[in-house]
């Protein structure tokens, strides 16, 4: 109980001491959610809910599991979360894992394994917003896209080889059982569930945007340090600050990849709100994202070094 009450009291005190900063931060988070997340995330949420309720998930499993099961060492039910996580962006990978788990297509142990690497930035966000708007480097679109698609495989490889993380894909429910369990889906419920997730995402974005705004007001902290802290709190805010920093393009690129592949505490909170009701391990998720952020930074650094050698 105190874990909730004490931060709430601290947050209330900050609101009273810095009302204008908090309002500005909340407004920034709200605009970011309304202008970016609602139009891009809602269609994916609605479509995945329809696939879940109207038995469209087996199609993904049939098409992609022969390849993805070999790469990520999952059962056939793991193909759907992997595809959505790599293509649709945060927090769709986490939602897909929970949908597959609640539908009986994967077992809890496999879900805990999947959650460590399937929640990723979308290629559109990476190549459009990050490469073009933040970094201003169209030439980096392809290499950075390849890196964010490679990072999940590296993370999964490392996780599988850690003590206590070996798993064997469990059996899934029979088709008749799935039909009985998921019958009665309706478009209204699909829309309602999508809005529920979207509102949670917006709430967390506003909260962490407020924290980012407060951090920017702290005296005596170098601008680069503020940028890094903000990026680890809420990646989009951190990226916006990173764009204005007077540092080398290489450092900007590496930091941007770390921010995006780690996701920040805002994405962590969004993901926690999705996976916690299913009993999945948030500690394993955090560990997986630390590996992902580190791998992304190192791969980007290596690519930039190689690219410089050939120029």
C-alpha atoms as a PDB file:
ATOM      1  CA  UNK A   1       0.000   0.000   0.000  1.00  0.00           C
ATOM      2  CA  UNK A   2       2.790   2.434   0.928  1.00  0.00           C
ATOM      3  CA  UNK A   3       4.446   1.776  -2.437  1.00  0.00           C
ATOM      4  CA  UNK A   4       1.455   3.513  -4.019  1.00  0.00           C
ATOM      5  CA  UNK A   5       0.652   6.135  -1.382  1.00  0.00           C
ATOM      6  CA  UNK A   6       4.142   7.620  -0.945  1.00  0.00           C
ATOM      7  CA  UNK A   7       4.770   8.292  -4.677  1.00  0.00           C
ATOM      8  CA  UNK A   8       1.243   9.722  -4.933  1.00  0.00           C
ATOM      9  CA  UNK A   9       1.942  12.146  -2.073  1.00  0.00           C
ATOM     10  CA  UNK A  10       5.285  13.163  -3.609  1.00  0.00           C
ATOM     11  CA  UNK A  11       3.564  13.725  -6.953  1.00  0.00           C
ATOM     12  CA  UNK A  12       0.890  15.860  -5.261  1.00  0.00           C
ATOM     13  CA  UNK A  13       3.555  18.004  -3.569  1.00  0.00           C
ATOM     14  CA  UNK A  14       5.301  18.542  -6.909  1.00  0.00           C
ATOM     15  CA  UNK A  15       1.990  19.566  -8.465  1.00  0.00           C
ATOM     16  CA  UNK A  16       1.482  22.159  -5.729  1.00  0.00           C
ATOM     17  CA  UNK A  17       5.054  23.488  -5.870  1.00  0.00           C
ATOM     18  CA  UNK A  18       5.393  23.646  -9.666  1.00  0.00           C
ATOM     19  CA  UNK A  19       1.863  23.972 -11.058  1.00  0.00           C
ATOM     20  CA  UNK A  20       2.765  25.689 -14.331  1.00  0.00           C
ATOM     21  CA  UNK A  21       5.523  23.191 -15.159  1.00  0.00           C
ATOM     22  CA  UNK A  22       3.251  20.245 -14.371  1.00  0.00           C
ATOM     23  CA  UNK A  23       0.413  21.634 -16.474  1.00  0.00           C
ATOM     24  CA  UNK A  24       2.795  22.251 -19.361  1.00  0.00           C
ATOM     25  CA  UNK A  25       4.181  18.711 -19.091  1.00  0.00           C
ATOM     26  CA  UNK A  26       0.721  17.160 -18.905  1.00  0.00           C
ATOM     27  CA  UNK A  27      -0.425  19.188 -21.911  1.00  0.00           C
ATOM     28  CA  UNK A  28       2.640  18.084 -23.856  1.00  0.00           C
ATOM     29  CA  UNK A  29       1.941  14.432 -23.053  1.00  0.00           C
ATOM     30  CA  UNK A  30      -1.726  14.825 -23.963  1.00  0.00           C
ATOM     31  CA  UNK A  31      -0.912  16.428 -27.326  1.00  0.00           C
ATOM     32  CA  UNK A  32       1.642  13.731 -28.066  1.00  0.00           C
ATOM     33  CA  UNK A  33      -0.917  11.027 -27.251  1.00  0.00           C
ATOM     34  CA  UNK A  34      -3.710  12.666 -29.241  1.00  0.00           C
ATOM     35  CA  UNK A  35      -1.641  13.594 -32.299  1.00  0.00           C
ATOM     36  CA  UNK A  36       0.558  10.488 -32.500  1.00  0.00           C
ATOM     37  CA  UNK A  37      -0.649   7.530 -30.463  1.00  0.00           C
ATOM     38  CA  UNK A  38      -4.400   7.663 -31.086  1.00  0.00           C
ATOM     39  CA  UNK A  39      -4.265   7.673 -34.904  1.00  0.00           C
ATOM     40  CA  UNK A  40      -1.394   5.173 -35.121  1.00  0.00           C
ATOM     41  CA  UNK A  41      -2.149   2.784 -32.256  1.00  0.00           C
ATOM     42  CA  UNK A  42      -5.952   2.560 -32.279  1.00  0.00           C
ATOM     43  CA  UNK A  43      -6.220   0.786 -35.676  1.00  0.00           C
ATOM     44  CA  UNK A  44      -3.709  -1.852 -34.565  1.00  0.00           C
ATOM     45  CA  UNK A  45      -5.509  -2.357 -31.248  1.00  0.00           C
ATOM     46  CA  UNK A  46      -8.857  -2.761 -32.974  1.00  0.00           C
ATOM     47  CA  UNK A  47      -7.527  -5.165 -35.620  1.00  0.00           C
ATOM     48  CA  UNK A  48      -5.749  -7.356 -33.065  1.00  0.00           C
ATOM     49  CA  UNK A  49      -8.899  -7.512 -30.938  1.00  0.00           C
ATOM     50  CA  UNK A  50     -10.879  -8.621 -33.994  1.00  0.00           C
ATOM     51  CA  UNK A  51      -8.253 -11.264 -34.786  1.00  0.00           C
ATOM     52  CA  UNK A  52      -8.416 -12.457 -31.180  1.00  0.00           C
ATOM     53  CA  UNK A  53     -12.205 -12.655 -30.932  1.00  0.00           C
ATOM     54  CA  UNK A  54     -12.909 -13.955 -34.430  1.00  0.00           C
ATOM     55  CA  UNK A  55     -10.195 -16.633 -34.542  1.00  0.00           C
ATOM     56  CA  UNK A  56      -7.779 -14.926 -36.927  1.00  0.00           C
ATOM     57  CA  UNK A  57      -4.651 -15.669 -34.875  1.00  0.00           C
ATOM     58  CA  UNK A  58      -4.198 -19.232 -36.258  1.00  0.00           C
ATOM     59  CA  UNK A  59      -3.592 -17.720 -39.704  1.00  0.00           C
ATOM     60  CA  UNK A  60      -0.464 -15.960 -38.414  1.00  0.00           C
ATOM     61  CA  UNK A  61       0.685 -19.146 -36.740  1.00  0.00           C
ATOM     62  CA  UNK A  62       0.216 -21.182 -39.903  1.00  0.00           C
ATOM     63  CA  UNK A  63       2.093 -18.703 -42.112  1.00  0.00           C
ATOM     64  CA  UNK A  64       4.991 -17.665 -39.887  1.00  0.00           C
ATOM     65  CA  UNK A  65       5.562 -20.292 -37.181  1.00  0.00           C
ATOM     66  CA  UNK A  66       7.716 -22.619 -39.360  1.00  0.00           C
ATOM     67  CA  UNK A  67      10.365 -19.875 -39.635  1.00  0.00           C
ATOM     68  CA  UNK A  68       9.931 -17.932 -36.396  1.00  0.00           C
ATOM     69  CA  UNK A  69       9.782 -21.046 -34.213  1.00  0.00           C
ATOM     70  CA  UNK A  70      13.264 -21.988 -35.392  1.00  0.00           C
ATOM     71  CA  UNK A  71      14.696 -18.504 -34.853  1.00  0.00           C
ATOM     72  CA  UNK A  72      13.169 -17.816 -31.443  1.00  0.00           C
ATOM     73  CA  UNK A  73      12.688 -21.432 -30.253  1.00  0.00           C
ATOM     74  CA  UNK A  74       8.996 -20.968 -29.506  1.00  0.00           C
ATOM     75  CA  UNK A  75       5.910 -23.036 -30.153  1.00  0.00           C
ATOM     76  CA  UNK A  76       3.575 -22.224 -33.020  1.00  0.00           C
ATOM     77  CA  UNK A  77       1.628 -19.888 -30.710  1.00  0.00           C
ATOM     78  CA  UNK A  78       4.644 -17.598 -30.386  1.00  0.00           C
ATOM     79  CA  UNK A  79       4.555 -16.497 -34.029  1.00  0.00           C
ATOM     80  CA  UNK A  80       1.677 -14.045 -33.567  1.00  0.00           C
ATOM     81  CA  UNK A  81       3.280 -12.013 -30.718  1.00  0.00           C
ATOM     82  CA  UNK A  82       6.622 -11.924 -32.532  1.00  0.00           C
ATOM     83  CA  UNK A  83       5.100 -10.573 -35.769  1.00  0.00           C
ATOM     84  CA  UNK A  84       2.950  -7.953 -34.029  1.00  0.00           C
ATOM     85  CA  UNK A  85       5.750  -6.887 -31.718  1.00  0.00           C
ATOM     86  CA  UNK A  86       8.160  -6.300 -34.598  1.00  0.00           C
ATOM     87  CA  UNK A  87       5.714  -4.524 -36.913  1.00  0.00           C
ATOM     88  CA  UNK A  88       3.183  -2.645 -34.778  1.00  0.00           C
ATOM     89  CA  UNK A  89       5.272  -0.981 -32.053  1.00  0.00           C
ATOM     90  CA  UNK A  90       4.800  -0.511 -28.304  1.00  0.00           C
ATOM     91  CA  UNK A  91       2.851  -1.952 -26.508  1.00  0.00           C
ATOM     92  CA  UNK A  92       1.390  -4.280 -29.149  1.00  0.00           C
ATOM     93  CA  UNK A  93       3.896  -7.070 -28.511  1.00  0.00           C
ATOM     94  CA  UNK A  94       2.868  -7.266 -24.864  1.00  0.00           C
ATOM     95  CA  UNK A  95      -0.813  -7.207 -25.775  1.00  0.00           C
ATOM     96  CA  UNK A  96      -0.322  -9.990 -28.331  1.00  0.00           C
ATOM     97  CA  UNK A  97       1.392 -12.167 -25.720  1.00  0.00           C
ATOM     98  CA  UNK A  98      -1.507 -11.656 -23.312  1.00  0.00           C
ATOM     99  CA  UNK A  99      -4.066 -12.368 -26.044  1.00  0.00           C
ATOM    100  CA  UNK A 100      -2.298 -15.613 -26.945  1.00  0.00           C
ATOM    101  CA  UNK A 101      -1.964 -16.599 -23.292  1.00  0.00           C
ATOM    102  CA  UNK A 102      -5.603 -15.898 -22.416  1.00  0.00           C
ATOM    103  CA  UNK A 103      -6.669 -17.775 -25.556  1.00  0.00           C
ATOM    104  CA  UNK A 104      -4.694 -20.845 -24.549  1.00  0.00           C
ATOM    105  CA  UNK A 105      -2.317 -20.666 -27.514  1.00  0.00           C
ATOM    106  CA  UNK A 106       0.794 -20.421 -25.318  1.00  0.00           C
ATOM    107  CA  UNK A 107       1.634 -21.454 -21.763  1.00  0.00           C
ATOM    108  CA  UNK A 108       2.637 -19.017 -18.944  1.00  0.00           C
ATOM    109  CA  UNK A 109       6.305 -20.043 -19.017  1.00  0.00           C
ATOM    110  CA  UNK A 110       6.529 -19.381 -22.738  1.00  0.00           C
ATOM    111  CA  UNK A 111       4.657 -16.086 -22.284  1.00  0.00           C
ATOM    112  CA  UNK A 112       7.263 -14.961 -19.724  1.00  0.00           C
ATOM    113  CA  UNK A 113       9.958 -15.808 -22.277  1.00  0.00           C
ATOM    114  CA  UNK A 114       8.204 -14.033 -25.153  1.00  0.00           C
ATOM    115  CA  UNK A 115       7.582 -10.861 -23.159  1.00  0.00           C
ATOM    116  CA  UNK A 116      11.342 -10.293 -22.850  1.00  0.00           C
ATOM    117  CA  UNK A 117      11.796  -9.577 -26.565  1.00  0.00           C
ATOM    118  CA  UNK A 118       8.506  -9.059 -28.464  1.00  0.00           C
ATOM    119  CA  UNK A 119       7.660  -5.529 -27.252  1.00  0.00           C
ATOM    120  CA  UNK A 120       9.523  -3.324 -29.732  1.00  0.00           C
ATOM    121  CA  UNK A 121       9.380   0.001 -31.622  1.00  0.00           C
ATOM    122  CA  UNK A 122       7.611  -0.048 -34.963  1.00  0.00           C
ATOM    123  CA  UNK A 123       9.623   0.229 -38.207  1.00  0.00           C
ATOM    124  CA  UNK A 124       7.488   3.210 -39.283  1.00  0.00           C
ATOM    125  CA  UNK A 125       8.313   5.103 -36.066  1.00  0.00           C
ATOM    126  CA  UNK A 126      11.988   4.217 -36.422  1.00  0.00           C
ATOM    127  CA  UNK A 127      12.486   5.104 -40.083  1.00  0.00           C
ATOM    128  CA  UNK A 128      10.130   8.080 -40.129  1.00  0.00           C
ATOM    129  CA  UNK A 129      10.191   9.924 -36.820  1.00  0.00           C
ATOM    130  CA  UNK A 130      13.608   8.912 -35.476  1.00  0.00           C
ATOM    131  CA  UNK A 131      15.731   8.765 -38.639  1.00  0.00           C
ATOM    132  CA  UNK A 132      14.194  11.624 -40.599  1.00  0.00           C
ATOM    133  CA  UNK A 133      12.857  14.041 -37.971  1.00  0.00           C
ATOM    134  CA  UNK A 134      15.169  13.541 -34.977  1.00  0.00           C
ATOM    135  CA  UNK A 135      18.447  12.556 -36.640  1.00  0.00           C
ATOM    136  CA  UNK A 136      17.852  14.068 -40.082  1.00  0.00           C
ATOM    137  CA  UNK A 137      19.640  11.092 -41.649  1.00  0.00           C
ATOM    138  CA  UNK A 138      17.776   9.397 -44.482  1.00  0.00           C
ATOM    139  CA  UNK A 139      20.860   7.256 -45.177  1.00  0.00           C
ATOM    140  CA  UNK A 140      20.436   5.545 -41.786  1.00  0.00           C
ATOM    141  CA  UNK A 141      16.898   4.299 -42.395  1.00  0.00           C
ATOM    142  CA  UNK A 142      17.859   0.858 -43.689  1.00  0.00           C
ATOM    143  CA  UNK A 143      20.743   0.045 -41.278  1.00  0.00           C
ATOM    144  CA  UNK A 144      18.813   1.196 -38.204  1.00  0.00           C
ATOM    145  CA  UNK A 145      15.747  -0.722 -39.371  1.00  0.00           C
ATOM    146  CA  UNK A 146      17.869  -3.869 -39.666  1.00  0.00           C
ATOM    147  CA  UNK A 147      19.218  -3.270 -36.175  1.00  0.00           C
ATOM    148  CA  UNK A 148      15.793  -2.991 -34.514  1.00  0.00           C
ATOM    149  CA  UNK A 149      14.699  -6.160 -36.319  1.00  0.00           C
ATOM    150  CA  UNK A 150      17.863  -7.978 -35.199  1.00  0.00           C
ATOM    151  CA  UNK A 151      17.752  -6.902 -31.549  1.00  0.00           C
ATOM    152  CA  UNK A 152      14.794  -9.186 -30.589  1.00  0.00           C
ATOM    153  CA  UNK A 153      16.657 -12.254 -31.901  1.00  0.00           C
ATOM    154  CA  UNK A 154      19.777 -11.285 -29.929  1.00  0.00           C
ATOM    155  CA  UNK A 155      17.748 -10.682 -26.769  1.00  0.00           C
ATOM    156  CA  UNK A 156      15.959 -14.025 -27.137  1.00  0.00           C
ATOM    157  CA  UNK A 157      19.289 -15.793 -27.722  1.00  0.00           C
ATOM    158  CA  UNK A 158      20.779 -14.332 -24.529  1.00  0.00           C
ATOM    159  CA  UNK A 159      17.659 -14.954 -22.420  1.00  0.00           C
ATOM    160  CA  UNK A 160      17.512 -18.625 -23.450  1.00  0.00           C
ATOM    161  CA  UNK A 161      21.058 -19.196 -22.266  1.00  0.00           C
ATOM    162  CA  UNK A 162      20.683 -17.720 -18.809  1.00  0.00           C
ATOM    163  CA  UNK A 163      20.218 -20.081 -15.848  1.00  0.00           C
ATOM    164  CA  UNK A 164      16.570 -20.775 -15.084  1.00  0.00           C
ATOM    165  CA  UNK A 165      15.303 -19.434 -18.393  1.00  0.00           C
ATOM    166  CA  UNK A 166      15.270 -22.580 -20.485  1.00  0.00           C
ATOM    167  CA  UNK A 167      11.785 -23.506 -21.531  1.00  0.00           C
ATOM    168  CA  UNK A 168       9.973 -25.998 -23.690  1.00  0.00           C
ATOM    169  CA  UNK A 169       6.953 -24.729 -25.640  1.00  0.00           C
ATOM    170  CA  UNK A 170       3.860 -26.126 -23.979  1.00  0.00           C
ATOM    171  CA  UNK A 171       0.809 -27.630 -25.624  1.00  0.00           C
ATOM    172  CA  UNK A 172      -2.004 -25.336 -26.715  1.00  0.00           C
ATOM    173  CA  UNK A 173      -5.706 -25.886 -26.448  1.00  0.00           C
ATOM    174  CA  UNK A 174      -7.534 -27.861 -29.080  1.00  0.00           C
ATOM    175  CA  UNK A 175      -9.438 -25.901 -31.707  1.00  0.00           C
ATOM    176  CA  UNK A 176     -12.761 -26.928 -30.186  1.00  0.00           C
ATOM    177  CA  UNK A 177     -11.652 -25.654 -26.781  1.00  0.00           C
ATOM    178  CA  UNK A 178     -10.519 -22.359 -28.288  1.00  0.00           C
ATOM    179  CA  UNK A 179     -13.826 -21.965 -30.049  1.00  0.00           C
ATOM    180  CA  UNK A 180     -15.756 -22.458 -26.824  1.00  0.00           C
ATOM    181  CA  UNK A 181     -13.459 -20.149 -24.867  1.00  0.00           C
ATOM    182  CA  UNK A 182     -13.465 -17.244 -27.326  1.00  0.00           C
ATOM    183  CA  UNK A 183     -16.976 -17.474 -28.701  1.00  0.00           C
ATOM    184  CA  UNK A 184     -19.306 -14.511 -28.307  1.00  0.00           C
ATOM    185  CA  UNK A 185     -16.868 -11.848 -29.479  1.00  0.00           C
ATOM    186  CA  UNK A 186     -18.446  -8.657 -30.750  1.00  0.00           C
ATOM    187  CA  UNK A 187     -17.207  -5.572 -32.536  1.00  0.00           C
ATOM    188  CA  UNK A 188     -18.418  -3.412 -29.630  1.00  0.00           C
ATOM    189  CA  UNK A 189     -16.211  -5.326 -27.222  1.00  0.00           C
ATOM    190  CA  UNK A 190     -13.263  -5.058 -29.613  1.00  0.00           C
ATOM    191  CA  UNK A 191     -13.661  -1.264 -29.732  1.00  0.00           C
ATOM    192  CA  UNK A 192     -14.131  -0.988 -25.968  1.00  0.00           C
ATOM    193  CA  UNK A 193     -11.019  -3.059 -25.246  1.00  0.00           C
ATOM    194  CA  UNK A 194      -8.992  -0.967 -27.710  1.00  0.00           C
ATOM    195  CA  UNK A 195     -10.123   2.273 -26.057  1.00  0.00           C
ATOM    196  CA  UNK A 196      -9.316   0.877 -22.608  1.00  0.00           C
ATOM    197  CA  UNK A 197      -5.701   0.167 -23.577  1.00  0.00           C
ATOM    198  CA  UNK A 198      -5.418   3.495 -25.397  1.00  0.00           C
ATOM    199  CA  UNK A 199      -6.614   5.497 -22.373  1.00  0.00           C
ATOM    200  CA  UNK A 200      -4.089   3.722 -20.114  1.00  0.00           C
ATOM    201  CA  UNK A 201      -1.312   4.530 -22.573  1.00  0.00           C
ATOM    202  CA  UNK A 202      -2.369   8.192 -22.623  1.00  0.00           C
ATOM    203  CA  UNK A 203      -2.488   8.417 -18.846  1.00  0.00           C
ATOM    204  CA  UNK A 204       1.028   7.057 -18.435  1.00  0.00           C
ATOM    205  CA  UNK A 205       2.348   9.307 -21.195  1.00  0.00           C
ATOM    206  CA  UNK A 206       0.967  12.364 -19.386  1.00  0.00           C
ATOM    207  CA  UNK A 207       2.409  11.283 -16.031  1.00  0.00           C
ATOM    208  CA  UNK A 208       5.913  10.701 -17.378  1.00  0.00           C
ATOM    209  CA  UNK A 209       5.779  13.848 -19.501  1.00  0.00           C
ATOM    210  CA  UNK A 210       5.186  15.761 -16.260  1.00  0.00           C
ATOM    211  CA  UNK A 211       8.234  14.113 -14.672  1.00  0.00           C
ATOM    212  CA  UNK A 212      10.313  14.946 -17.755  1.00  0.00           C
ATOM    213  CA  UNK A 213       9.191  18.584 -17.577  1.00  0.00           C
ATOM    214  CA  UNK A 214      10.137  18.750 -13.887  1.00  0.00           C
ATOM    215  CA  UNK A 215      13.582  17.282 -14.552  1.00  0.00           C
ATOM    216  CA  UNK A 216      14.252  19.946 -17.167  1.00  0.00           C
ATOM    217  CA  UNK A 217      13.771  22.595 -14.458  1.00  0.00           C
ATOM    218  CA  UNK A 218      16.427  21.172 -12.128  1.00  0.00           C
ATOM    219  CA  UNK A 219      19.430  23.535 -11.784  1.00  0.00           C
ATOM    220  CA  UNK A 220      23.042  22.478 -12.185  1.00  0.00           C
ATOM    221  CA  UNK A 221      22.432  19.406 -14.348  1.00  0.00           C
ATOM    222  CA  UNK A 222      24.111  19.355 -17.791  1.00  0.00           C
ATOM    223  CA  UNK A 223      21.709  19.493 -20.713  1.00  0.00           C
ATOM    224  CA  UNK A 224      22.934  16.139 -22.056  1.00  0.00           C
ATOM    225  CA  UNK A 225      22.296  14.477 -18.683  1.00  0.00           C
ATOM    226  CA  UNK A 226      18.773  15.932 -18.601  1.00  0.00           C
ATOM    227  CA  UNK A 227      18.234  14.596 -22.109  1.00  0.00           C
ATOM    228  CA  UNK A 228      19.367  11.085 -21.126  1.00  0.00           C
ATOM    229  CA  UNK A 229      17.213  11.036 -17.991  1.00  0.00           C
ATOM    230  CA  UNK A 230      14.208  12.278 -19.956  1.00  0.00           C
ATOM    231  CA  UNK A 231      14.812   9.631 -22.626  1.00  0.00           C
ATOM    232  CA  UNK A 232      14.879   6.874 -20.027  1.00  0.00           C
ATOM    233  CA  UNK A 233      11.625   8.204 -18.574  1.00  0.00           C
ATOM    234  CA  UNK A 234       9.661   8.878 -21.772  1.00  0.00           C
ATOM    235  CA  UNK A 235      11.406   8.117 -25.050  1.00  0.00           C
ATOM    236  CA  UNK A 236       9.621  10.635 -27.279  1.00  0.00           C
ATOM    237  CA  UNK A 237      10.369  13.525 -24.905  1.00  0.00           C
ATOM    238  CA  UNK A 238      13.982  12.404 -24.667  1.00  0.00           C
ATOM    239  CA  UNK A 239      14.267  12.209 -28.447  1.00  0.00           C
ATOM    240  CA  UNK A 240      12.884  15.736 -28.822  1.00  0.00           C
ATOM    241  CA  UNK A 241      15.523  17.028 -26.374  1.00  0.00           C
ATOM    242  CA  UNK A 242      18.207  14.959 -28.094  1.00  0.00           C
ATOM    243  CA  UNK A 243      17.514  16.674 -31.412  1.00  0.00           C
ATOM    244  CA  UNK A 244      18.472  20.048 -29.914  1.00  0.00           C
ATOM    245  CA  UNK A 245      21.721  18.860 -28.276  1.00  0.00           C
ATOM    246  CA  UNK A 246      25.043  20.175 -29.597  1.00  0.00           C
ATOM    247  CA  UNK A 247      26.743  16.769 -29.677  1.00  0.00           C
ATOM    248  CA  UNK A 248      28.143  14.643 -32.486  1.00  0.00           C
ATOM    249  CA  UNK A 249      25.759  12.919 -34.881  1.00  0.00           C
ATOM    250  CA  UNK A 250      27.209   9.525 -33.904  1.00  0.00           C
ATOM    251  CA  UNK A 251      26.443  10.000 -30.206  1.00  0.00           C
ATOM    252  CA  UNK A 252      22.944  11.222 -31.055  1.00  0.00           C
ATOM    253  CA  UNK A 253      22.328   8.124 -33.153  1.00  0.00           C
ATOM    254  CA  UNK A 254      23.529   5.718 -30.462  1.00  0.00           C
ATOM    255  CA  UNK A 255      21.493   7.443 -27.738  1.00  0.00           C
ATOM    256  CA  UNK A 256      18.400   7.495 -29.946  1.00  0.00           C
ATOM    257  CA  UNK A 257      18.664   3.743 -30.517  1.00  0.00           C
ATOM    258  CA  UNK A 258      19.106   3.091 -26.796  1.00  0.00           C
ATOM    259  CA  UNK A 259      16.055   5.232 -25.966  1.00  0.00           C
ATOM    260  CA  UNK A 260      13.897   3.575 -28.609  1.00  0.00           C
ATOM    261  CA  UNK A 261      14.865  -0.050 -27.935  1.00  0.00           C
ATOM    262  CA  UNK A 262      14.793   0.295 -24.140  1.00  0.00           C
ATOM    263  CA  UNK A 263      11.460   2.087 -24.357  1.00  0.00           C
ATOM    264  CA  UNK A 264      11.656   4.107 -21.159  1.00  0.00           C
ATOM    265  CA  UNK A 265       9.720   3.901 -17.916  1.00  0.00           C
ATOM    266  CA  UNK A 266       6.564   5.191 -19.599  1.00  0.00           C
ATOM    267  CA  UNK A 267       6.491   2.158 -21.915  1.00  0.00           C
ATOM    268  CA  UNK A 268       7.330  -0.022 -18.916  1.00  0.00           C
ATOM    269  CA  UNK A 269       4.307   1.304 -17.028  1.00  0.00           C
ATOM    270  CA  UNK A 270       2.079   0.826 -20.078  1.00  0.00           C
ATOM    271  CA  UNK A 271       3.326  -2.735 -20.496  1.00  0.00           C
ATOM    272  CA  UNK A 272       2.915  -3.493 -16.796  1.00  0.00           C
ATOM    273  CA  UNK A 273      -0.738  -2.453 -16.950  1.00  0.00           C
ATOM    274  CA  UNK A 274      -1.230  -5.004 -19.749  1.00  0.00           C
ATOM    275  CA  UNK A 275       0.798  -7.988 -18.496  1.00  0.00           C
ATOM    276  CA  UNK A 276       0.158  -7.744 -14.744  1.00  0.00           C
ATOM    277  CA  UNK A 277      -3.449  -9.030 -14.897  1.00  0.00           C
ATOM    278  CA  UNK A 278      -2.093 -12.125 -16.683  1.00  0.00           C
ATOM    279  CA  UNK A 279       0.475 -12.736 -13.941  1.00  0.00           C
ATOM    280  CA  UNK A 280       3.486 -12.263 -16.218  1.00  0.00           C
ATOM    281  CA  UNK A 281       6.859 -11.244 -14.788  1.00  0.00           C
ATOM    282  CA  UNK A 282       7.622  -7.536 -15.087  1.00  0.00           C
ATOM    283  CA  UNK A 283      11.153  -8.221 -13.776  1.00  0.00           C
ATOM    284  CA  UNK A 284      11.877 -10.458 -16.758  1.00  0.00           C
ATOM    285  CA  UNK A 285      10.440  -7.819 -19.066  1.00  0.00           C
ATOM    286  CA  UNK A 286      12.715  -5.124 -17.597  1.00  0.00           C
ATOM    287  CA  UNK A 287      15.739  -7.406 -17.880  1.00  0.00           C
ATOM    288  CA  UNK A 288      14.901  -8.120 -21.507  1.00  0.00           C
ATOM    289  CA  UNK A 289      14.582  -4.407 -22.314  1.00  0.00           C
ATOM    290  CA  UNK A 290      17.936  -3.667 -20.684  1.00  0.00           C
ATOM    291  CA  UNK A 291      19.494  -6.299 -22.943  1.00  0.00           C
ATOM    292  CA  UNK A 292      17.658  -4.857 -25.954  1.00  0.00           C
ATOM    293  CA  UNK A 293      18.758  -1.281 -25.264  1.00  0.00           C
ATOM    294  CA  UNK A 294      22.366  -2.351 -24.708  1.00  0.00           C
ATOM    295  CA  UNK A 295      22.420  -4.519 -27.833  1.00  0.00           C
ATOM    296  CA  UNK A 296      20.915  -1.715 -29.927  1.00  0.00           C
ATOM    297  CA  UNK A 297      23.518   0.769 -28.708  1.00  0.00           C
ATOM    298  CA  UNK A 298      26.427  -1.602 -29.379  1.00  0.00           C
ATOM    299  CA  UNK A 299      25.156  -2.633 -32.820  1.00  0.00           C
ATOM    300  CA  UNK A 300      24.647   1.005 -33.791  1.00  0.00           C
ATOM    301  CA  UNK A 301      28.111   1.918 -32.555  1.00  0.00           C
ATOM    302  CA  UNK A 302      29.589  -0.960 -34.561  1.00  0.00           C
ATOM    303  CA  UNK A 303      27.706   0.015 -37.706  1.00  0.00           C
ATOM    304  CA  UNK A 304      28.792   3.661 -37.457  1.00  0.00           C
ATOM    305  CA  UNK A 305      32.412   2.573 -36.977  1.00  0.00           C
ATOM    306  CA  UNK A 306      32.284   0.310 -40.045  1.00  0.00           C
ATOM    307  CA  UNK A 307      30.530   2.981 -42.112  1.00  0.00           C
ATOM    308  CA  UNK A 308      33.213   5.521 -41.201  1.00  0.00           C
ATOM    309  CA  UNK A 309      35.969   3.088 -42.270  1.00  0.00           C
ATOM    310  CA  UNK A 310      34.501   2.843 -45.776  1.00  0.00           C
ATOM    311  CA  UNK A 311      34.053   6.588 -46.264  1.00  0.00           C
END
